[in-house]
Amino acid sequence: MNSIRSVALSRTGVARGLALTLLALTLAGCGDGNDDLRAWMAQSREGLRGKVEPLPEARQYTPFTYNAFDVSDPYNPHKMDVARKAGGGVAPDTNRPKEALENYDLEKLVFVGTLQQGKTVQALIRAPDGNLYRIKVGNYMGQNFGKVLVVSDTEVKLKEIVEDSGGDWVERETSLPLQEAEQKK
């Protein structure tokens, strides 16, 4: 057991000696033998004299007094409501009962043909649920309050009432063209 202890102590001593030797060599490398490095640093430093431009002169602050308390607020919501009421008479009739074809987007409705009973021409419209509906001038269809103006053999013309970006109601005309049956080969 003493021999194991002496081997362990000798290994520890060797490790300490090696560490002290490395420390001494490292410190020896940091000595005054670096004159060429110092000369190069001095030479490089000579031409590097920077010039900082002076700061611009600060202007004198003159305060502004806001005296527009008696002027009406342009963002007041009541003022906007008054402007809308004075704006015009185009608005959808929301009190009338909705018709069946007003539940669908106009793009999803298909005009497939016409029927004539006496002098009244009716259009046949296929809804997305697969049902066929008959409409005539004065009926409503589509989700933008579209009122049927004309039913012809080639199209159904509508007048829609839509809200623009300013919140006002505007009228626009659109049509639903006749969908020809596909030719079978």
Protein backbone atom coordinates (compact mmCIF):
# COMPACT_ATOMS: atom_id res chain seq x y z
CA MET A 1 0.00 0.00 0.00
CA ASN A 2 2.91 2.29 0.66
CA SER A 3 4.18 1.67 -2.87
CA ILE A 4 0.83 2.74 -4.36
CA ARG A 5 0.89 5.89 -2.25
CA SER A 6 4.43 6.72 -3.32
CA VAL A 7 3.55 6.20 -7.01
CA ALA A 8 0.51 8.52 -6.62
CA LEU A 9 2.63 11.14 -4.87
CA SER A 10 5.30 10.93 -7.55
CA ARG A 11 2.70 11.38 -10.32
CA THR A 12 1.25 14.40 -8.52
CA GLY A 13 4.75 15.84 -8.18
CA VAL A 14 5.44 15.31 -11.88
CA ALA A 15 2.13 17.04 -12.79
CA ARG A 16 3.02 20.00 -10.54
CA GLY A 17 6.46 20.25 -12.04
CA LEU A 18 5.06 20.20 -15.56
CA ALA A 19 2.51 22.91 -14.72
CA LEU A 20 5.23 25.12 -13.17
CA THR A 21 7.44 24.67 -16.24
CA LEU A 22 4.62 25.67 -18.62
CA LEU A 23 3.86 28.72 -16.47
CA ALA A 24 7.49 29.80 -16.51
CA LEU A 25 7.70 29.43 -20.31
CA THR A 26 4.51 31.43 -20.79
CA LEU A 27 5.76 34.25 -18.59
CA ALA A 28 9.13 34.22 -20.38
CA GLY A 29 7.29 34.83 -23.68
CA CYS A 30 5.80 38.01 -22.24
CA GLY A 31 9.19 39.58 -21.55
CA ASP A 32 10.78 42.67 -23.08
CA GLY A 33 11.95 40.83 -26.18
CA ASN A 34 9.06 42.30 -28.25
CA ASP A 35 10.78 45.48 -29.43
CA ASP A 36 9.83 44.85 -33.07
CA LEU A 37 6.14 44.58 -32.08
CA ARG A 38 6.29 47.88 -30.21
CA ALA A 39 8.04 49.55 -33.15
CA TRP A 40 5.37 48.34 -35.58
CA MET A 41 2.59 49.60 -33.27
CA ALA A 42 4.23 53.03 -33.01
CA GLN A 43 4.63 53.24 -36.79
CA SER A 44 1.01 52.26 -37.39
CA ARG A 45 -0.25 54.77 -34.83
CA GLU A 46 1.53 57.76 -36.39
CA GLY A 47 -0.79 58.36 -39.37
CA LEU A 48 -4.03 57.72 -37.52
CA ARG A 49 -4.98 61.06 -36.04
CA GLY A 50 -8.75 61.31 -36.43
CA LYS A 51 -10.62 64.56 -36.66
CA VAL A 52 -14.10 64.82 -35.21
CA GLU A 53 -16.22 67.56 -36.72
CA PRO A 54 -17.85 69.87 -34.20
CA LEU A 55 -21.52 69.36 -33.41
CA PRO A 56 -23.97 71.61 -35.27
CA GLU A 57 -25.26 74.54 -33.34
CA ALA A 58 -28.66 73.86 -31.76
CA ARG A 59 -31.53 76.08 -32.88
CA GLN A 60 -33.51 77.94 -30.31
CA TYR A 61 -36.85 76.23 -29.49
CA THR A 62 -39.89 78.43 -29.93
CA PRO A 63 -43.03 76.98 -28.30
CA PHE A 64 -46.33 76.84 -30.24
CA THR A 65 -49.58 77.68 -28.51
CA TYR A 66 -52.63 75.71 -29.73
CA ASN A 67 -55.70 77.93 -29.60
CA ALA A 68 -58.26 75.88 -31.56
CA PHE A 69 -60.43 74.77 -28.69
CA ASP A 70 -63.45 76.53 -30.19
CA VAL A 71 -63.08 74.65 -33.52
CA SER A 72 -65.11 71.44 -33.87
CA ASP A 73 -63.31 68.11 -33.66
CA PRO A 74 -62.99 66.58 -37.16
CA TYR A 75 -62.96 63.05 -35.71
CA ASN A 76 -66.18 63.40 -33.73
CA PRO A 77 -68.43 60.41 -34.65
CA HIS A 78 -71.59 62.53 -34.35
CA LYS A 79 -70.29 64.88 -37.03
CA MET A 80 -69.73 61.90 -39.35
CA ASP A 81 -73.28 60.64 -38.76
CA VAL A 82 -74.71 64.06 -39.68
CA ALA A 83 -72.63 64.09 -42.88
CA ARG A 84 -73.92 60.62 -43.82
CA LYS A 85 -77.57 61.56 -43.23
CA ALA A 86 -77.18 64.65 -45.38
CA GLY A 87 -75.34 62.61 -48.03
CA GLY A 88 -78.16 60.95 -49.89
CA GLY A 89 -81.04 58.61 -50.18
CA VAL A 90 -79.43 55.38 -51.40
CA ALA A 91 -79.86 52.73 -48.74
CA PRO A 92 -81.09 49.14 -48.75
CA ASP A 93 -84.55 48.35 -47.47
CA THR A 94 -83.74 46.19 -44.46
CA ASN A 95 -87.38 45.97 -43.31
CA ARG A 96 -88.63 43.90 -46.25
CA PRO A 97 -88.64 40.08 -45.95
CA LYS A 98 -85.65 38.40 -47.61
CA GLU A 99 -86.19 36.18 -50.63
CA ALA A 100 -84.68 32.69 -50.95
CA LEU A 101 -81.93 33.63 -53.45
CA GLU A 102 -80.62 36.39 -51.16
CA ASN A 103 -78.97 33.72 -49.02
CA TYR A 104 -76.35 33.00 -51.70
CA ASP A 105 -73.47 34.92 -53.25
CA LEU A 106 -74.30 36.07 -56.76
CA GLU A 107 -71.20 34.23 -58.04
CA LYS A 108 -72.65 30.91 -56.83
CA LEU A 109 -75.99 31.34 -58.61
CA VAL A 110 -76.33 30.00 -62.18
CA PHE A 111 -78.74 31.38 -64.80
CA VAL A 112 -79.83 28.29 -66.77
CA GLY A 113 -82.81 29.44 -68.87
CA THR A 114 -86.04 31.41 -69.21
CA LEU A 115 -89.81 30.77 -69.08
CA GLN A 116 -92.53 32.99 -70.46
CA GLN A 117 -96.07 33.12 -69.10
CA GLY A 118 -98.09 35.62 -71.09
CA LYS A 119 -95.95 38.75 -71.29
CA THR A 120 -93.96 37.96 -68.14
CA VAL A 121 -90.48 36.52 -68.72
CA GLN A 122 -89.04 34.57 -65.81
CA ALA A 123 -85.46 33.39 -65.34
CA LEU A 124 -84.54 29.96 -64.03
CA ILE A 125 -81.77 30.19 -61.45
CA ARG A 126 -79.95 27.18 -60.01
CA ALA A 127 -78.84 27.67 -56.40
CA PRO A 128 -75.86 25.90 -54.78
CA ASP A 129 -78.27 23.56 -52.99
CA GLY A 130 -79.36 22.19 -56.42
CA ASN A 131 -82.86 23.70 -56.45
CA LEU A 132 -84.23 25.72 -59.37
CA TYR A 133 -85.91 29.05 -58.64
CA ARG A 134 -88.04 31.24 -60.91
CA ILE A 135 -87.46 34.98 -60.68
CA LYS A 136 -88.83 37.98 -62.53
CA VAL A 137 -88.26 41.72 -62.66
CA GLY A 138 -88.55 43.15 -59.14
CA ASN A 139 -87.30 40.05 -57.30
CA TYR A 140 -84.13 40.15 -55.19
CA MET A 141 -81.10 37.84 -55.36
CA GLY A 142 -77.52 37.80 -54.08
CA GLN A 143 -76.20 39.08 -50.77
CA ASN A 144 -75.75 42.70 -51.89
CA PHE A 145 -79.46 43.60 -52.04
CA GLY A 146 -79.54 42.87 -55.80
CA LYS A 147 -82.86 43.81 -57.42
CA VAL A 148 -83.66 42.28 -60.81
CA LEU A 149 -84.05 44.99 -63.47
CA VAL A 150 -84.17 43.03 -66.74
CA VAL A 151 -84.61 39.36 -67.63
CA SER A 152 -83.53 38.57 -71.19
CA ASP A 153 -82.66 35.39 -73.06
CA THR A 154 -78.93 35.92 -72.44
CA GLU A 155 -78.63 37.56 -69.01
CA VAL A 156 -80.29 38.81 -65.84
CA LYS A 157 -79.40 42.45 -65.04
CA LEU A 158 -79.37 43.53 -61.40
CA LYS A 159 -78.94 46.71 -59.42
CA GLU A 160 -76.99 46.04 -56.19
CA ILE A 161 -76.59 48.35 -53.22
CA VAL A 162 -73.17 48.00 -51.61
CA GLU A 163 -71.29 49.91 -48.94
CA ASP A 164 -68.16 51.74 -50.12
CA SER A 165 -64.96 52.34 -48.15
CA GLY A 166 -66.37 55.54 -46.63
CA GLY A 167 -69.41 53.74 -45.24
CA ASP A 168 -71.84 55.22 -47.78
CA TRP A 169 -74.29 53.09 -49.77
CA VAL A 170 -73.79 53.16 -53.53
CA GLU A 171 -75.60 51.49 -56.41
CA ARG A 172 -73.89 49.34 -59.01
CA GLU A 173 -75.23 47.36 -61.91
CA THR A 174 -74.19 43.78 -62.53
CA SER A 175 -75.46 40.88 -64.56
CA LEU A 176 -75.73 37.14 -64.39
CA PRO A 177 -75.01 35.62 -67.84
CA LEU A 178 -76.75 32.56 -69.23
CA GLN A 179 -74.73 29.37 -68.69
CA GLU A 180 -74.81 27.31 -71.87
CA ALA A 181 -75.05 23.55 -71.41
CA GLU A 182 -71.72 21.85 -72.18
CA GLN A 183 -71.61 19.98 -75.48
CA LYS A 184 -71.10 16.25 -75.01
CA LYS A 185 -68.58 14.61 -77.34
